Every structure is written in C-alpha cells, then in structure tokens.
C-alpha cells in the first residue's frame, strides 16, 4: 500500500494563497489522486481530483479558486489554493486510488484561514 505524506498547510489570511503537497512512497503515475477536506463537525468532502491522464474535477466550492496538479516524476500531487476563505478552514487529506490496489490516505495537513 502506498504511503502518502501531506505538507504545506498553515495559517493564512482570507484572500491569500497556499499550496499543499502530497508525496507518495512510490509511483502514482497510474493512480487517481484526490484532495479531500474535513472541517470540525462536518463530513469529509471531495475538493478536487486528477486522473492519471491529467483530467481534473473540482467541487463547486473549489472551482475557479483551486488547482490540482501532479508531478509523476516526483510522485507528488499539489493543490494550489487561491482566494482563500474562512470556510476553507479544514484538515486537507490526500487520497490515492491505484488500479488493482488498496486506496491510501495521508495523515492530513491543517489549513486555517483567518478572517
């Protein structure tokens, strides 16, 4: 099972930007990768996903402000977040869905947006 480590979270003011990264322990070139988030008292929700071929999907809340990308040579997926809002405050989790293999989750990285 691939191990995932998120990084890049932190505290930012509303309107600011942040980029979180997810680095895998081995190749993710054939895996669907996704970012989820979970705010206190709420269910975990999908933010964005990217296919092995680079096709992307965004939740309505992220579309136009967030960009998901991948660097297969570095086994890393990124989530660039712009125009951040206080309601974006959450723990952000990376998920890998490799073909014919178990799904993996990272431990999460905290993103806090102050108003």
PDB file of N, CA and C in Angstrom:
ATOM      1  N   UNK A   1       0.851  -1.186   0.000  1.00  0.00           N
ATOM      2  CA  UNK A   1       0.000   0.000   0.000  1.00  0.00           C
ATOM      3  C   UNK A   1       0.892   1.243   0.000  1.00  0.00           C
ATOM      4  N   UNK A   2       0.566   2.185  -0.873  1.00  0.00           N
ATOM      5  CA  UNK A   2       1.381   3.383  -0.982  1.00  0.00           C
ATOM      6  C   UNK A   2       1.183   4.268   0.253  1.00  0.00           C
ATOM      7  N   UNK A   3       2.256   4.844   0.743  1.00  0.00           N
ATOM      8  CA  UNK A   3       2.205   5.789   1.863  1.00  0.00           C
ATOM      9  C   UNK A   3       2.167   7.216   1.310  1.00  0.00           C
ATOM     10  N   UNK A   4       1.328   8.039   1.919  1.00  0.00           N
ATOM     11  CA  UNK A   4       1.166   9.420   1.471  1.00  0.00           C
ATOM     12  C   UNK A   4       1.487  10.381   2.607  1.00  0.00           C
ATOM     13  N   UNK A   5       2.214  11.422   2.304  1.00  0.00           N
ATOM     14  CA  UNK A   5       2.558  12.441   3.292  1.00  0.00           C
ATOM     15  C   UNK A   5       2.192  13.811   2.739  1.00  0.00           C
ATOM     16  N   UNK A   6       1.270  14.477   3.441  1.00  0.00           N
ATOM     17  CA  UNK A   6       0.881  15.833   3.046  1.00  0.00           C
ATOM     18  C   UNK A   6       1.763  16.852   3.750  1.00  0.00           C
ATOM     19  N   UNK A   7       1.923  17.993   3.102  1.00  0.00           N
ATOM     20  CA  UNK A   7       2.674  19.103   3.698  1.00  0.00           C
ATOM     21  C   UNK A   7       2.186  20.401   3.087  1.00  0.00           C
ATOM     22  N   UNK A   8       2.590  21.502   3.711  1.00  0.00           N
ATOM     23  CA  UNK A   8       2.290  22.812   3.158  1.00  0.00           C
ATOM     24  C   UNK A   8       1.124  23.534   3.781  1.00  0.00           C
ATOM     25  N   UNK A   9       0.441  22.894   4.713  1.00  0.00           N
ATOM     26  CA  UNK A   9      -0.657  23.579   5.378  1.00  0.00           C
ATOM     27  C   UNK A   9      -0.150  24.689   6.276  1.00  0.00           C
ATOM     28  N   UNK A  10      -1.083  25.476   6.793  1.00  0.00           N
ATOM     29  CA  UNK A  10      -0.695  26.545   7.694  1.00  0.00           C
ATOM     30  C   UNK A  10      -1.800  27.537   7.888  1.00  0.00           C
ATOM     31  N   UNK A  11      -1.416  28.701   8.410  1.00  0.00           N
ATOM     32  CA  UNK A  11      -2.355  29.785   8.687  1.00  0.00           C
ATOM     33  C   UNK A  11      -2.183  30.876   7.641  1.00  0.00           C
ATOM     34  N   UNK A  12      -3.287  31.295   7.059  1.00  0.00           N
ATOM     35  CA  UNK A  12      -3.252  32.336   6.043  1.00  0.00           C
ATOM     36  C   UNK A  12      -4.454  33.242   6.208  1.00  0.00           C
ATOM     37  N   UNK A  13      -4.316  34.482   5.826  1.00  0.00           N
ATOM     38  CA  UNK A  13      -5.442  35.419   5.903  1.00  0.00           C
ATOM     39  C   UNK A  13      -6.401  35.204   4.732  1.00  0.00           C
ATOM     40  N   UNK A  14      -7.626  35.562   4.953  1.00  0.00           N
ATOM     41  CA  UNK A  14      -8.618  35.480   3.887  1.00  0.00           C
ATOM     42  C   UNK A  14      -8.131  36.260   2.664  1.00  0.00           C
ATOM     43  N   UNK A  15      -8.327  35.666   1.494  1.00  0.00           N
ATOM     44  CA  UNK A  15      -7.848  36.271   0.267  1.00  0.00           C
ATOM     45  C   UNK A  15      -6.460  35.808  -0.142  1.00  0.00           C
ATOM     46  N   UNK A  16      -5.785  35.140   0.760  1.00  0.00           N
ATOM     47  CA  UNK A  16      -4.433  34.677   0.489  1.00  0.00           C
ATOM     48  C   UNK A  16      -4.397  33.352  -0.244  1.00  0.00           C
ATOM     49  N   UNK A  17      -3.177  32.860  -0.437  1.00  0.00           N
ATOM     50  CA  UNK A  17      -2.959  31.623  -1.175  1.00  0.00           C
ATOM     51  C   UNK A  17      -2.101  30.660  -0.366  1.00  0.00           C
ATOM     52  N   UNK A  18      -2.265  29.399  -0.703  1.00  0.00           N
ATOM     53  CA  UNK A  18      -1.490  28.352  -0.050  1.00  0.00           C
ATOM     54  C   UNK A  18      -1.404  27.178  -1.021  1.00  0.00           C
ATOM     55  N   UNK A  19      -0.272  26.481  -1.009  1.00  0.00           N
ATOM     56  CA  UNK A  19      -0.145  25.268  -1.818  1.00  0.00           C
ATOM     57  C   UNK A  19       0.190  24.102  -0.902  1.00  0.00           C
ATOM     58  N   UNK A  20      -0.640  23.091  -0.946  1.00  0.00           N
ATOM     59  CA  UNK A  20      -0.369  21.876  -0.191  1.00  0.00           C
ATOM     60  C   UNK A  20       0.126  20.786  -1.142  1.00  0.00           C
ATOM     61  N   UNK A  21       0.983  19.940  -0.618  1.00  0.00           N
ATOM     62  CA  UNK A  21       1.596  18.880  -1.418  1.00  0.00           C
ATOM     63  C   UNK A  21       1.324  17.521  -0.791  1.00  0.00           C
ATOM     64  N   UNK A  22       1.328  16.520  -1.631  1.00  0.00           N
ATOM     65  CA  UNK A  22       1.155  15.137  -1.185  1.00  0.00           C
ATOM     66  C   UNK A  22       2.198  14.298  -1.909  1.00  0.00           C
ATOM     67  N   UNK A  23       3.131  13.757  -1.139  1.00  0.00           N
ATOM     68  CA  UNK A  23       4.201  12.958  -1.724  1.00  0.00           C
ATOM     69  C   UNK A  23       4.001  11.488  -1.375  1.00  0.00           C
ATOM     70  N   UNK A  24       4.094  10.661  -2.402  1.00  0.00           N
ATOM     71  CA  UNK A  24       3.864   9.224  -2.234  1.00  0.00           C
ATOM     72  C   UNK A  24       5.181   8.469  -2.096  1.00  0.00           C
ATOM     73  N   UNK A  25       5.090   7.300  -1.455  1.00  0.00           N
ATOM     74  CA  UNK A  25       6.279   6.488  -1.214  1.00  0.00           C
ATOM     75  C   UNK A  25       6.729   5.729  -2.464  1.00  0.00           C
ATOM     76  N   UNK A  26       5.856   5.662  -3.463  1.00  0.00           N
ATOM     77  CA  UNK A  26       6.240   5.024  -4.717  1.00  0.00           C
ATOM     78  C   UNK A  26       5.412   5.624  -5.835  1.00  0.00           C
ATOM     79  N   UNK A  27       5.609   5.134  -7.025  1.00  0.00           N
ATOM     80  CA  UNK A  27       4.982   5.725  -8.201  1.00  0.00           C
ATOM     81  C   UNK A  27       3.461   5.783  -8.085  1.00  0.00           C
ATOM     82  N   UNK A  28       2.929   6.927  -8.479  1.00  0.00           N
ATOM     83  CA  UNK A  28       1.480   7.128  -8.509  1.00  0.00           C
ATOM     84  C   UNK A  28       1.011   7.448  -9.915  1.00  0.00           C
ATOM     85  N   UNK A  29       1.841   7.163 -10.909  1.00  0.00           N
ATOM     86  CA  UNK A  29       1.544   7.582 -12.274  1.00  0.00           C
ATOM     87  C   UNK A  29       0.252   6.964 -12.819  1.00  0.00           C
ATOM     88  N   UNK A  30      -0.144   5.810 -12.302  1.00  0.00           N
ATOM     89  CA  UNK A  30      -1.369   5.165 -12.789  1.00  0.00           C
ATOM     90  C   UNK A  30      -2.532   5.319 -11.815  1.00  0.00           C
ATOM     91  N   UNK A  31      -2.355   6.123 -10.792  1.00  0.00           N
ATOM     92  CA  UNK A  31      -3.385   6.262  -9.761  1.00  0.00           C
ATOM     93  C   UNK A  31      -4.223   7.521  -9.949  1.00  0.00           C
ATOM     94  N   UNK A  32      -5.521   7.385  -9.662  1.00  0.00           N
ATOM     95  CA  UNK A  32      -6.343   8.573  -9.488  1.00  0.00           C
ATOM     96  C   UNK A  32      -5.962   9.180  -8.137  1.00  0.00           C
ATOM     97  N   UNK A  33      -5.742  10.467  -8.139  1.00  0.00           N
ATOM     98  CA  UNK A  33      -5.362  11.165  -6.924  1.00  0.00           C
ATOM     99  C   UNK A  33      -6.417  12.220  -6.601  1.00  0.00           C
ATOM    100  N   UNK A  34      -6.627  12.441  -5.324  1.00  0.00           N
ATOM    101  CA  UNK A  34      -7.662  13.403  -4.937  1.00  0.00           C
ATOM    102  C   UNK A  34      -7.284  14.089  -3.638  1.00  0.00           C
ATOM    103  N   UNK A  35      -7.832  15.269  -3.482  1.00  0.00           N
ATOM    104  CA  UNK A  35      -7.760  16.015  -2.228  1.00  0.00           C
ATOM    105  C   UNK A  35      -9.162  16.076  -1.628  1.00  0.00           C
ATOM    106  N   UNK A  36      -9.231  15.754  -0.359  1.00  0.00           N
ATOM    107  CA  UNK A  36     -10.455  15.882   0.424  1.00  0.00           C
ATOM    108  C   UNK A  36     -10.176  16.851   1.574  1.00  0.00           C
ATOM    109  N   UNK A  37     -11.236  17.312   2.203  1.00  0.00           N
ATOM    110  CA  UNK A  37     -11.062  18.125   3.411  1.00  0.00           C
ATOM    111  C   UNK A  37     -12.158  17.796   4.402  1.00  0.00           C
ATOM    112  N   UNK A  38     -11.825  18.041   5.657  1.00  0.00           N
ATOM    113  CA  UNK A  38     -12.795  17.805   6.720  1.00  0.00           C
ATOM    114  C   UNK A  38     -12.691  18.925   7.739  1.00  0.00           C
ATOM    115  N   UNK A  39     -13.766  19.669   7.853  1.00  0.00           N
ATOM    116  CA  UNK A  39     -13.854  20.742   8.844  1.00  0.00           C
ATOM    117  C   UNK A  39     -14.433  20.176  10.135  1.00  0.00           C
ATOM    118  N   UNK A  40     -14.181  20.832  11.252  1.00  0.00           N
ATOM    119  CA  UNK A  40     -14.700  20.346  12.533  1.00  0.00           C
ATOM    120  C   UNK A  40     -16.213  20.173  12.506  1.00  0.00           C
ATOM    121  N   UNK A  41     -16.676  19.008  12.926  1.00  0.00           N
ATOM    122  CA  UNK A  41     -18.104  18.739  12.984  1.00  0.00           C
ATOM    123  C   UNK A  41     -18.758  18.444  11.650  1.00  0.00           C
ATOM    124  N   UNK A  42     -17.956  18.347  10.593  1.00  0.00           N
ATOM    125  CA  UNK A  42     -18.513  18.095   9.264  1.00  0.00           C
ATOM    126  C   UNK A  42     -17.925  16.808   8.673  1.00  0.00           C
ATOM    127  N   UNK A  43     -18.606  16.299   7.663  1.00  0.00           N
ATOM    128  CA  UNK A  43     -18.115  15.107   6.979  1.00  0.00           C
ATOM    129  C   UNK A  43     -16.967  15.464   6.041  1.00  0.00           C
ATOM    130  N   UNK A  44     -16.126  14.475   5.799  1.00  0.00           N
ATOM    131  CA  UNK A  44     -15.058  14.671   4.830  1.00  0.00           C
ATOM    132  C   UNK A  44     -15.674  14.832   3.444  1.00  0.00           C
ATOM    133  N   UNK A  45     -15.174  15.800   2.690  1.00  0.00           N
ATOM    134  CA  UNK A  45     -15.726  16.073   1.371  1.00  0.00           C
ATOM    135  C   UNK A  45     -14.631  16.156   0.317  1.00  0.00           C
ATOM    136  N   UNK A  46     -14.988  15.759  -0.891  1.00  0.00           N
ATOM    137  CA  UNK A  46     -14.059  15.825  -2.015  1.00  0.00           C
ATOM    138  C   UNK A  46     -13.879  17.276  -2.441  1.00  0.00           C
ATOM    139  N   UNK A  47     -12.632  17.668  -2.624  1.00  0.00           N
ATOM    140  CA  UNK A  47     -12.315  19.020  -3.081  1.00  0.00           C
ATOM    141  C   UNK A  47     -11.955  19.006  -4.570  1.00  0.00           C
ATOM    142  N   UNK A  48     -11.046  18.099  -4.947  1.00  0.00           N
ATOM    143  CA  UNK A  48     -10.587  18.026  -6.337  1.00  0.00           C
ATOM    144  C   UNK A  48      -9.945  16.674  -6.577  1.00  0.00           C
ATOM    145  N   UNK A  49      -9.961  16.264  -7.840  1.00  0.00           N
ATOM    146  CA  UNK A  49      -9.312  15.000  -8.204  1.00  0.00           C
ATOM    147  C   UNK A  49      -8.631  15.155  -9.551  1.00  0.00           C
ATOM    148  N   UNK A  50      -7.669  14.265  -9.803  1.00  0.00           N
ATOM    149  CA  UNK A  50      -6.943  14.283 -11.064  1.00  0.00           C
ATOM    150  C   UNK A  50      -6.690  12.850 -11.505  1.00  0.00           C
ATOM    151  N   UNK A  51      -6.955  12.594 -12.770  1.00  0.00           N
ATOM    152  CA  UNK A  51      -6.782  11.243 -13.305  1.00  0.00           C
ATOM    153  C   UNK A  51      -5.327  11.013 -13.711  1.00  0.00           C
ATOM    154  N   UNK A  52      -4.976   9.769 -14.009  1.00  0.00           N
ATOM    155  CA  UNK A  52      -3.612   9.507 -14.478  1.00  0.00           C
ATOM    156  C   UNK A  52      -3.275  10.299 -15.739  1.00  0.00           C
ATOM    157  N   UNK A  53      -4.256  10.576 -16.549  1.00  0.00           N
ATOM    158  CA  UNK A  53      -4.022  11.322 -17.781  1.00  0.00           C
ATOM    159  C   UNK A  53      -4.068  12.826 -17.612  1.00  0.00           C
ATOM    160  N   UNK A  54      -4.388  13.277 -16.413  1.00  0.00           N
ATOM    161  CA  UNK A  54      -4.397  14.704 -16.135  1.00  0.00           C
ATOM    162  C   UNK A  54      -5.770  15.363 -16.139  1.00  0.00           C
ATOM    163  N   UNK A  55      -6.803  14.580 -16.381  1.00  0.00           N
ATOM    164  CA  UNK A  55      -8.137  15.142 -16.304  1.00  0.00           C
ATOM    165  C   UNK A  55      -8.485  15.525 -14.878  1.00  0.00           C
ATOM    166  N   UNK A  56      -9.167  16.640 -14.709  1.00  0.00           N
ATOM    167  CA  UNK A  56      -9.441  17.149 -13.367  1.00  0.00           C
ATOM    168  C   UNK A  56     -10.930  17.314 -13.106  1.00  0.00           C
ATOM    169  N   UNK A  57     -11.254  17.278 -11.812  1.00  0.00           N
ATOM    170  CA  UNK A  57     -12.612  17.531 -11.335  1.00  0.00           C
ATOM    171  C   UNK A  57     -12.498  18.430 -10.110  1.00  0.00           C
ATOM    172  N   UNK A  58     -13.426  19.367  -9.989  1.00  0.00           N
ATOM    173  CA  UNK A  58     -13.457  20.251  -8.823  1.00  0.00           C
ATOM    174  C   UNK A  58     -14.846  20.300  -8.235  1.00  0.00           C
ATOM    175  N   UNK A  59     -14.908  20.322  -6.924  1.00  0.00           N
ATOM    176  CA  UNK A  59     -16.166  20.603  -6.254  1.00  0.00           C
ATOM    177  C   UNK A  59     -16.548  22.052  -6.542  1.00  0.00           C
ATOM    178  N   UNK A  60     -17.835  22.330  -6.454  1.00  0.00           N
ATOM    179  CA  UNK A  60     -18.298  23.693  -6.729  1.00  0.00           C
ATOM    180  C   UNK A  60     -17.576  24.716  -5.852  1.00  0.00           C
ATOM    181  N   UNK A  61     -17.299  24.345  -4.619  1.00  0.00           N
ATOM    182  CA  UNK A  61     -16.666  25.269  -3.680  1.00  0.00           C
ATOM    183  C   UNK A  61     -15.217  25.591  -4.064  1.00  0.00           C
ATOM    184  N   UNK A  62     -14.607  24.724  -4.863  1.00  0.00           N
ATOM    185  CA  UNK A  62     -13.198  24.888  -5.221  1.00  0.00           C
ATOM    186  C   UNK A  62     -12.995  25.409  -6.647  1.00  0.00           C
ATOM    187  N   UNK A  63     -13.975  25.201  -7.470  1.00  0.00           N
ATOM    188  CA  UNK A  63     -13.820  25.535  -8.892  1.00  0.00           C
ATOM    189  C   UNK A  63     -13.555  27.026  -9.078  1.00  0.00           C
ATOM    190  N   UNK A  64     -12.512  27.333  -9.852  1.00  0.00           N
ATOM    191  CA  UNK A  64     -12.161  28.725 -10.108  1.00  0.00           C
ATOM    192  C   UNK A  64     -11.164  29.315  -9.127  1.00  0.00           C
ATOM    193  N   UNK A  65     -10.985  28.633  -7.976  1.00  0.00           N
ATOM    194  CA  UNK A  65     -10.037  29.137  -6.969  1.00  0.00           C
ATOM    195  C   UNK A  65      -8.891  28.160  -6.711  1.00  0.00           C
ATOM    196  N   UNK A  66      -9.178  26.868  -6.835  1.00  0.00           N
ATOM    197  CA  UNK A  66      -8.176  25.845  -6.542  1.00  0.00           C
ATOM    198  C   UNK A  66      -7.728  25.163  -7.837  1.00  0.00           C
ATOM    199  N   UNK A  67      -6.480  24.707  -7.848  1.00  0.00           N
ATOM    200  CA  UNK A  67      -5.959  23.961  -8.988  1.00  0.00           C
ATOM    201  C   UNK A  67      -5.207  22.731  -8.489  1.00  0.00           C
ATOM    202  N   UNK A  68      -5.619  21.572  -8.973  1.00  0.00           N
ATOM    203  CA  UNK A  68      -4.926  20.334  -8.639  1.00  0.00           C
ATOM    204  C   UNK A  68      -3.984  19.991  -9.797  1.00  0.00           C
ATOM    205  N   UNK A  69      -2.804  19.502  -9.452  1.00  0.00           N
ATOM    206  CA  UNK A  69      -1.834  19.119 -10.475  1.00  0.00           C
ATOM    207  C   UNK A  69      -0.997  17.960  -9.939  1.00  0.00           C
ATOM    208  N   UNK A  70      -0.275  17.337 -10.833  1.00  0.00           N
ATOM    209  CA  UNK A  70       0.556  16.210 -10.416  1.00  0.00           C
ATOM    210  C   UNK A  70       1.903  16.250 -11.125  1.00  0.00           C
ATOM    211  N   UNK A  71       2.920  15.783 -10.420  1.00  0.00           N
ATOM    212  CA  UNK A  71       4.256  15.630 -10.977  1.00  0.00           C
ATOM    213  C   UNK A  71       4.644  14.166 -10.752  1.00  0.00           C
ATOM    214  N   UNK A  72       4.389  13.349 -11.749  1.00  0.00           N
ATOM    215  CA  UNK A  72       4.618  11.909 -11.585  1.00  0.00           C
ATOM    216  C   UNK A  72       6.093  11.574 -11.376  1.00  0.00           C
ATOM    217  N   UNK A  73       6.968  12.379 -11.919  1.00  0.00           N
ATOM    218  CA  UNK A  73       8.404  12.127 -11.736  1.00  0.00           C
ATOM    219  C   UNK A  73       8.813  12.262 -10.276  1.00  0.00           C
ATOM    220  N   UNK A  74       8.054  13.085  -9.536  1.00  0.00           N
ATOM    221  CA  UNK A  74       8.352  13.305  -8.113  1.00  0.00           C
ATOM    222  C   UNK A  74       7.339  12.611  -7.209  1.00  0.00           C
ATOM    223  N   UNK A  75       6.454  11.812  -7.803  1.00  0.00           N
ATOM    224  CA  UNK A  75       5.422  11.103  -7.022  1.00  0.00           C
ATOM    225  C   UNK A  75       4.636  12.071  -6.130  1.00  0.00           C
ATOM    226  N   UNK A  76       4.307  13.227  -6.668  1.00  0.00           N
ATOM    227  CA  UNK A  76       3.707  14.287  -5.863  1.00  0.00           C
ATOM    228  C   UNK A  76       2.483  14.885  -6.553  1.00  0.00           C
ATOM    229  N   UNK A  77       1.492  15.184  -5.743  1.00  0.00           N
ATOM    230  CA  UNK A  77       0.292  15.877  -6.193  1.00  0.00           C
ATOM    231  C   UNK A  77       0.187  17.177  -5.405  1.00  0.00           C
ATOM    232  N   UNK A  78      -0.259  18.215  -6.080  1.00  0.00           N
ATOM    233  CA  UNK A  78      -0.357  19.534  -5.459  1.00  0.00           C
ATOM    234  C   UNK A  78      -1.803  20.020  -5.483  1.00  0.00           C
ATOM    235  N   UNK A  79      -2.096  20.892  -4.530  1.00  0.00           N
ATOM    236  CA  UNK A  79      -3.353  21.632  -4.561  1.00  0.00           C
ATOM    237  C   UNK A  79      -3.012  23.094  -4.293  1.00  0.00           C
ATOM    238  N   UNK A  80      -3.101  23.884  -5.343  1.00  0.00           N
ATOM    239  CA  UNK A  80      -2.886  25.330  -5.218  1.00  0.00           C
ATOM    240  C   UNK A  80      -4.220  25.974  -4.866  1.00  0.00           C
ATOM    241  N   UNK A  81      -4.240  26.694  -3.772  1.00  0.00           N
ATOM    242  CA  UNK A  81      -5.478  27.304  -3.292  1.00  0.00           C
ATOM    243  C   UNK A  81      -5.318  28.812  -3.262  1.00  0.00           C
ATOM    244  N   UNK A  82      -6.142  29.501  -4.033  1.00  0.00           N
ATOM    245  CA  UNK A  82      -6.120  30.955  -4.111  1.00  0.00           C
ATOM    246  C   UNK A  82      -7.431  31.530  -3.583  1.00  0.00           C
ATOM    247  N   UNK A  83      -7.416  32.805  -3.293  1.00  0.00           N
ATOM    248  CA  UNK A  83      -8.614  33.499  -2.814  1.00  0.00           C
ATOM    249  C   UNK A  83      -9.262  32.719  -1.671  1.00  0.00           C
ATOM    250  N   UNK A  84      -8.460  32.340  -0.721  1.00  0.00           N
ATOM    251  CA  UNK A  84      -8.953  31.505   0.373  1.00  0.00           C
ATOM    252  C   UNK A  84      -9.967  32.243   1.238  1.00  0.00           C
ATOM    253  N   UNK A  85     -10.922  31.468   1.736  1.00  0.00           N
ATOM    254  CA  UNK A  85     -11.992  31.993   2.577  1.00  0.00           C
ATOM    255  C   UNK A  85     -11.962  31.289   3.933  1.00  0.00           C
ATOM    256  N   UNK A  86     -12.496  31.906   4.965  1.00  0.00           N
ATOM    257  CA  UNK A  86     -12.533  31.243   6.271  1.00  0.00           C
ATOM    258  C   UNK A  86     -13.206  29.870   6.206  1.00  0.00           C
ATOM    259  N   UNK A  87     -14.179  29.722   5.328  1.00  0.00           N
ATOM    260  CA  UNK A  87     -14.871  28.435   5.221  1.00  0.00           C
ATOM    261  C   UNK A  87     -14.024  27.349   4.563  1.00  0.00           C
ATOM    262  N   UNK A  88     -12.843  27.707   4.076  1.00  0.00           N
ATOM    263  CA  UNK A  88     -11.906  26.702   3.558  1.00  0.00           C
ATOM    264  C   UNK A  88     -11.094  26.058   4.683  1.00  0.00           C
ATOM    265  N   UNK A  89     -11.238  26.580   5.882  1.00  0.00           N
ATOM    266  CA  UNK A  89     -10.520  26.032   7.032  1.00  0.00           C
ATOM    267  C   UNK A  89     -10.922  24.575   7.264  1.00  0.00           C
ATOM    268  N   UNK A  90      -9.919  23.698   7.275  1.00  0.00           N
ATOM    269  CA  UNK A  90     -10.172  22.265   7.413  1.00  0.00           C
ATOM    270  C   UNK A  90      -8.842  21.525   7.450  1.00  0.00           C
ATOM    271  N   UNK A  91      -8.920  20.247   7.756  1.00  0.00           N
ATOM    272  CA  UNK A  91      -7.774  19.362   7.546  1.00  0.00           C
ATOM    273  C   UNK A  91      -7.901  18.822   6.124  1.00  0.00           C
ATOM    274  N   UNK A  92      -6.851  18.967   5.354  1.00  0.00           N
ATOM    275  CA  UNK A  92      -6.848  18.537   3.961  1.00  0.00           C
ATOM    276  C   UNK A  92      -6.114  17.190   3.851  1.00  0.00           C
ATOM    277  N   UNK A  93      -6.790  16.238   3.227  1.00  0.00           N
ATOM    278  CA  UNK A  93      -6.272  14.883   3.090  1.00  0.00           C
ATOM    279  C   UNK A  93      -6.043  14.536   1.630  1.00  0.00           C
ATOM    280  N   UNK A  94      -4.988  13.807   1.386  1.00  0.00           N
ATOM    281  CA  UNK A  94      -4.676  13.282   0.068  1.00  0.00           C
ATOM    282  C   UNK A  94      -5.121  11.823  -0.002  1.00  0.00           C
ATOM    283  N   UNK A  95      -5.651  11.429  -1.143  1.00  0.00           N
ATOM    284  CA  UNK A  95      -6.105  10.057  -1.348  1.00  0.00           C
ATOM    285  C   UNK A  95      -5.557   9.539  -2.669  1.00  0.00           C
ATOM    286  N   UNK A  96      -5.039   8.323  -2.633  1.00  0.00           N
ATOM    287  CA  UNK A  96      -4.555   7.658  -3.841  1.00  0.00           C
ATOM    288  C   UNK A  96      -5.399   6.431  -4.130  1.00  0.00           C
ATOM    289  N   UNK A  97      -5.828   6.316  -5.378  1.00  0.00           N
ATOM    290  CA  UNK A  97      -6.609   5.149  -5.808  1.00  0.00           C
ATOM    291  C   UNK A  97      -5.885   4.487  -6.970  1.00  0.00           C
ATOM    292  N   UNK A  98      -4.924   3.610  -6.650  1.00  0.00           N
ATOM    293  CA  UNK A  98      -4.191   2.931  -7.717  1.00  0.00           C
ATOM    294  C   UNK A  98      -5.034   1.812  -8.314  1.00  0.00           C
ATOM    295  N   UNK A  99      -4.793   1.448  -9.550  1.00  0.00           N
ATOM    296  CA  UNK A  99      -5.533   0.335 -10.144  1.00  0.00           C
ATOM    297  C   UNK A  99      -5.151  -0.984  -9.475  1.00  0.00           C
ATOM    298  N   UNK A 100      -6.124  -1.817  -9.186  1.00  0.00           N
ATOM    299  CA  UNK A 100      -5.899  -3.157  -8.633  1.00  0.00           C
ATOM    300  C   UNK A 100      -5.092  -3.108  -7.343  1.00  0.00           C
ATOM    301  N   UNK A 101      -5.317  -2.071  -6.532  1.00  0.00           N
ATOM    302  CA  UNK A 101      -4.583  -1.939  -5.276  1.00  0.00           C
ATOM    303  C   UNK A 101      -5.442  -1.176  -4.271  1.00  0.00           C
ATOM    304  N   UNK A 102      -5.137  -1.319  -2.977  1.00  0.00           N
ATOM    305  CA  UNK A 102      -5.954  -0.639  -1.965  1.00  0.00           C
ATOM    306  C   UNK A 102      -5.832   0.882  -2.052  1.00  0.00           C
ATOM    307  N   UNK A 103      -6.892   1.552  -1.646  1.00  0.00           N
ATOM    308  CA  UNK A 103      -6.888   3.009  -1.540  1.00  0.00           C
ATOM    309  C   UNK A 103      -6.018   3.411  -0.346  1.00  0.00           C
ATOM    310  N   UNK A 104      -5.284   4.512  -0.486  1.00  0.00           N
ATOM    311  CA  UNK A 104      -4.449   5.024   0.587  1.00  0.00           C
ATOM    312  C   UNK A 104      -4.835   6.463   0.910  1.00  0.00           C
ATOM    313  N   UNK A 105      -4.716   6.795   2.188  1.00  0.00           N
ATOM    314  CA  UNK A 105      -4.973   8.157   2.664  1.00  0.00           C
ATOM    315  C   UNK A 105      -3.726   8.664   3.390  1.00  0.00           C
ATOM    316  N   UNK A 106      -3.492   9.959   3.282  1.00  0.00           N
ATOM    317  CA  UNK A 106      -2.457  10.575   4.079  1.00  0.00           C
ATOM    318  C   UNK A 106      -2.980  10.927   5.454  1.00  0.00           C
ATOM    319  N   UNK A 107      -2.108  11.499   6.277  1.00  0.00           N
ATOM    320  CA  UNK A 107      -2.478  11.823   7.651  1.00  0.00           C
ATOM    321  C   UNK A 107      -3.161  13.179   7.765  1.00  0.00           C
ATOM    322  N   UNK A 108      -3.095  13.969   6.712  1.00  0.00           N
ATOM    323  CA  UNK A 108      -3.763  15.260   6.702  1.00  0.00           C
ATOM    324  C   UNK A 108      -2.849  16.416   7.062  1.00  0.00           C
ATOM    325  N   UNK A 109      -3.200  17.589   6.557  1.00  0.00           N
ATOM    326  CA  UNK A 109      -2.486  18.818   6.889  1.00  0.00           C
ATOM    327  C   UNK A 109      -3.513  19.905   7.163  1.00  0.00           C
ATOM    328  N   UNK A 110      -3.299  20.651   8.228  1.00  0.00           N
ATOM    329  CA  UNK A 110      -4.270  21.667   8.663  1.00  0.00           C
ATOM    330  C   UNK A 110      -4.106  22.945   7.854  1.00  0.00           C
ATOM    331  N   UNK A 111      -5.218  23.426   7.343  1.00  0.00           N
ATOM    332  CA  UNK A 111      -5.266  24.730   6.690  1.00  0.00           C
ATOM    333  C   UNK A 111      -6.247  25.597   7.469  1.00  0.00           C
ATOM    334  N   UNK A 112      -5.769  26.738   7.924  1.00  0.00           N
ATOM    335  CA  UNK A 112      -6.604  27.657   8.690  1.00  0.00           C
ATOM    336  C   UNK A 112      -6.590  29.008   8.003  1.00  0.00           C
ATOM    337  N   UNK A 113      -7.790  29.511   7.698  1.00  0.00           N
ATOM    338  CA  UNK A 113      -7.926  30.798   7.032  1.00  0.00           C
ATOM    339  C   UNK A 113      -8.591  31.766   8.002  1.00  0.00           C
ATOM    340  N   UNK A 114      -7.891  32.815   8.332  1.00  0.00           N
ATOM    341  CA  UNK A 114      -8.414  33.791   9.279  1.00  0.00           C
ATOM    342  C   UNK A 114      -9.138  34.918   8.539  1.00  0.00           C
ATOM    343  N   UNK A 115     -10.154  35.433   9.191  1.00  0.00           N
ATOM    344  CA  UNK A 115     -10.944  36.499   8.557  1.00  0.00           C
ATOM    345  C   UNK A 115     -10.389  37.869   8.884  1.00  0.00           C
TER     346      UNK A 115
END
